[in-house]
Amino acid sequence: MNIYRLDPIDPGHPAWGSSNEKDVVWAAAPTPEDARKLVALKTRIDIQSTAGDESPWLNKAVTSCVSEPTMTHVDAGTVVRVDGSLVGR
C-alpha cells in the first residue's frame, strides 16, 4: 500500500463547497487516483453544494497528490489529518 499526500493548491475554487476537509491530508491507497477517490469519498458533504457534485480532491488543478514513501503510519483505506486524526466515514 502506498501513502499519498494531498494538498489544496487552489483553496478559492468553488468545488471546496462539496468537501468538509480543506487542509492537507494523507491517504493510503494503491495508486494516486485511488487516493484521490478515497479522500473524496471520506470528505464528501451529503448536501448538494453550489459547486455541484465534483470533489476538489478529484481535480488535479485544485489539489496535488504526491507519494510519501517515508510515511508508514497510515493504514490501508484510511485518510489522516495533520494532527493524526482519521477523516471520514
C-alpha atoms as a PDB file:
ATOM      1  CA  MET A   1       0.000   0.000   0.000  1.00  0.00           C
ATOM      2  CA  ASN A   2       1.243   3.476  -0.858  1.00  0.00           C
ATOM      3  CA  ILE A   3       0.785   6.671   1.129  1.00  0.00           C
ATOM      4  CA  TYR A   4      -0.100   9.884  -0.713  1.00  0.00           C
ATOM      5  CA  ARG A   5      -0.135  13.467   0.491  1.00  0.00           C
ATOM      6  CA  LEU A   6      -2.943  15.566  -0.951  1.00  0.00           C
ATOM      7  CA  ASP A   7      -2.585  19.344  -0.730  1.00  0.00           C
ATOM      8  CA  PRO A   8      -5.070  22.032  -1.706  1.00  0.00           C
ATOM      9  CA  ILE A   9      -3.459  24.208  -4.395  1.00  0.00           C
ATOM     10  CA  ASP A  10      -6.498  26.334  -5.271  1.00  0.00           C
ATOM     11  CA  PRO A  11      -8.289  26.993  -1.976  1.00  0.00           C
ATOM     12  CA  GLY A  12     -10.591  29.536  -3.632  1.00  0.00           C
ATOM     13  CA  HIS A  13     -12.081  27.052  -6.092  1.00  0.00           C
ATOM     14  CA  PRO A  14     -15.860  26.621  -5.705  1.00  0.00           C
ATOM     15  CA  ALA A  15     -15.536  22.813  -5.556  1.00  0.00           C
ATOM     16  CA  TRP A  16     -14.397  23.151  -1.922  1.00  0.00           C
ATOM     17  CA  GLY A  17     -18.062  23.658  -1.093  1.00  0.00           C
ATOM     18  CA  SER A  18     -18.528  19.900  -1.532  1.00  0.00           C
ATOM     19  CA  SER A  19     -15.805  18.864   0.959  1.00  0.00           C
ATOM     20  CA  ASN A  20     -15.735  19.007   4.739  1.00  0.00           C
ATOM     21  CA  GLU A  21     -11.899  18.924   4.727  1.00  0.00           C
ATOM     22  CA  LYS A  22      -9.910  21.776   3.263  1.00  0.00           C
ATOM     23  CA  ASP A  23      -6.374  21.135   4.549  1.00  0.00           C
ATOM     24  CA  VAL A  24      -3.610  18.704   3.706  1.00  0.00           C
ATOM     25  CA  VAL A  25      -4.401  15.011   4.252  1.00  0.00           C
ATOM     26  CA  TRP A  26      -2.647  11.699   3.732  1.00  0.00           C
ATOM     27  CA  ALA A  27      -4.323   8.652   2.187  1.00  0.00           C
ATOM     28  CA  ALA A  28      -3.268   5.006   1.961  1.00  0.00           C
ATOM     29  CA  ALA A  29      -4.212   3.596  -1.437  1.00  0.00           C
ATOM     30  CA  PRO A  30      -2.666   1.578  -4.290  1.00  0.00           C
ATOM     31  CA  THR A  31      -2.494   4.495  -6.780  1.00  0.00           C
ATOM     32  CA  PRO A  32      -2.742   8.302  -6.774  1.00  0.00           C
ATOM     33  CA  GLU A  33      -6.138   8.047  -8.469  1.00  0.00           C
ATOM     34  CA  ASP A  34      -7.351   5.658  -5.762  1.00  0.00           C
ATOM     35  CA  ALA A  35      -6.032   8.031  -3.086  1.00  0.00           C
ATOM     36  CA  ARG A  36      -7.984  10.921  -4.649  1.00  0.00           C
ATOM     37  CA  LYS A  37     -11.156   8.810  -4.786  1.00  0.00           C
ATOM     38  CA  LEU A  38     -10.717   7.682  -1.168  1.00  0.00           C
ATOM     39  CA  VAL A  39     -10.299  11.250   0.106  1.00  0.00           C
ATOM     40  CA  ALA A  40     -13.260  12.418  -1.992  1.00  0.00           C
ATOM     41  CA  LEU A  41     -15.424   9.655  -0.516  1.00  0.00           C
ATOM     42  CA  LYS A  42     -14.404  10.330   3.082  1.00  0.00           C
ATOM     43  CA  THR A  43     -14.775  14.121   2.860  1.00  0.00           C
ATOM     44  CA  ARG A  44     -17.951  14.451   0.827  1.00  0.00           C
ATOM     45  CA  ILE A  45     -20.680  16.693   2.183  1.00  0.00           C
ATOM     46  CA  ASP A  46     -24.037  14.970   1.819  1.00  0.00           C
ATOM     47  CA  ILE A  47     -25.938  18.101   0.842  1.00  0.00           C
ATOM     48  CA  GLN A  48     -25.730  19.383  -2.709  1.00  0.00           C
ATOM     49  CA  SER A  49     -23.388  22.340  -2.913  1.00  0.00           C
ATOM     50  CA  THR A  50     -23.489  25.226  -5.331  1.00  0.00           C
ATOM     51  CA  ALA A  51     -20.268  23.837  -6.810  1.00  0.00           C
ATOM     52  CA  GLY A  52     -22.042  20.687  -7.987  1.00  0.00           C
ATOM     53  CA  ASP A  53     -21.019  17.182  -7.099  1.00  0.00           C
ATOM     54  CA  GLU A  54     -17.339  17.181  -8.089  1.00  0.00           C
ATOM     55  CA  SER A  55     -14.975  16.858  -5.164  1.00  0.00           C
ATOM     56  CA  PRO A  56     -11.959  19.157  -5.161  1.00  0.00           C
ATOM     57  CA  TRP A  57      -9.853  16.123  -4.231  1.00  0.00           C
ATOM     58  CA  LEU A  58     -10.518  14.590  -7.663  1.00  0.00           C
ATOM     59  CA  ASN A  59      -9.462  17.715  -9.559  1.00  0.00           C
ATOM     60  CA  LYS A  60      -5.727  17.884 -10.376  1.00  0.00           C
ATOM     61  CA  ALA A  61      -5.962  21.650 -10.890  1.00  0.00           C
ATOM     62  CA  VAL A  62      -7.325  22.109  -7.363  1.00  0.00           C
ATOM     63  CA  THR A  63      -5.260  19.608  -5.335  1.00  0.00           C
ATOM     64  CA  SER A  64      -1.895  17.933  -5.674  1.00  0.00           C
ATOM     65  CA  CYS A  65      -1.331  14.267  -4.878  1.00  0.00           C
ATOM     66  CA  VAL A  66       2.235  13.061  -4.315  1.00  0.00           C
ATOM     67  CA  SER A  67       3.733   9.887  -2.939  1.00  0.00           C
ATOM     68  CA  GLU A  68       5.026   9.994   0.665  1.00  0.00           C
ATOM     69  CA  PRO A  69       7.339   6.947   0.760  1.00  0.00           C
ATOM     70  CA  THR A  70       8.770   7.786   4.192  1.00  0.00           C
ATOM     71  CA  MET A  71       5.362   7.819   5.896  1.00  0.00           C
ATOM     72  CA  THR A  72       4.372   4.440   7.298  1.00  0.00           C
ATOM     73  CA  HIS A  73       1.714   5.015   9.950  1.00  0.00           C
ATOM     74  CA  VAL A  74      -1.354   5.343   7.709  1.00  0.00           C
ATOM     75  CA  ASP A  75      -3.409   2.165   7.436  1.00  0.00           C
ATOM     76  CA  ALA A  76      -4.820   0.939   4.126  1.00  0.00           C
ATOM     77  CA  GLY A  77      -8.073   2.618   3.172  1.00  0.00           C
ATOM     78  CA  THR A  78      -7.724   5.444   5.666  1.00  0.00           C
ATOM     79  CA  VAL A  79      -7.292   9.216   5.411  1.00  0.00           C
ATOM     80  CA  VAL A  80      -5.372  11.105   8.102  1.00  0.00           C
ATOM     81  CA  ARG A  81      -5.174  14.788   9.027  1.00  0.00           C
ATOM     82  CA  VAL A  82      -2.007  16.666  10.023  1.00  0.00           C
ATOM     83  CA  ASP A  83      -2.820  16.069  13.699  1.00  0.00           C
ATOM     84  CA  GLY A  84      -3.018  12.297  13.098  1.00  0.00           C
ATOM     85  CA  SER A  85      -6.791  12.016  13.462  1.00  0.00           C
ATOM     86  CA  LEU A  86      -8.780   9.951  10.982  1.00  0.00           C
ATOM     87  CA  VAL A  87     -11.007  11.568   8.404  1.00  0.00           C
ATOM     88  CA  GLY A  88     -14.443  10.429   7.482  1.00  0.00           C
ATOM     89  CA  ARG A  89     -16.943   7.749   7.420  1.00  0.00           C
END
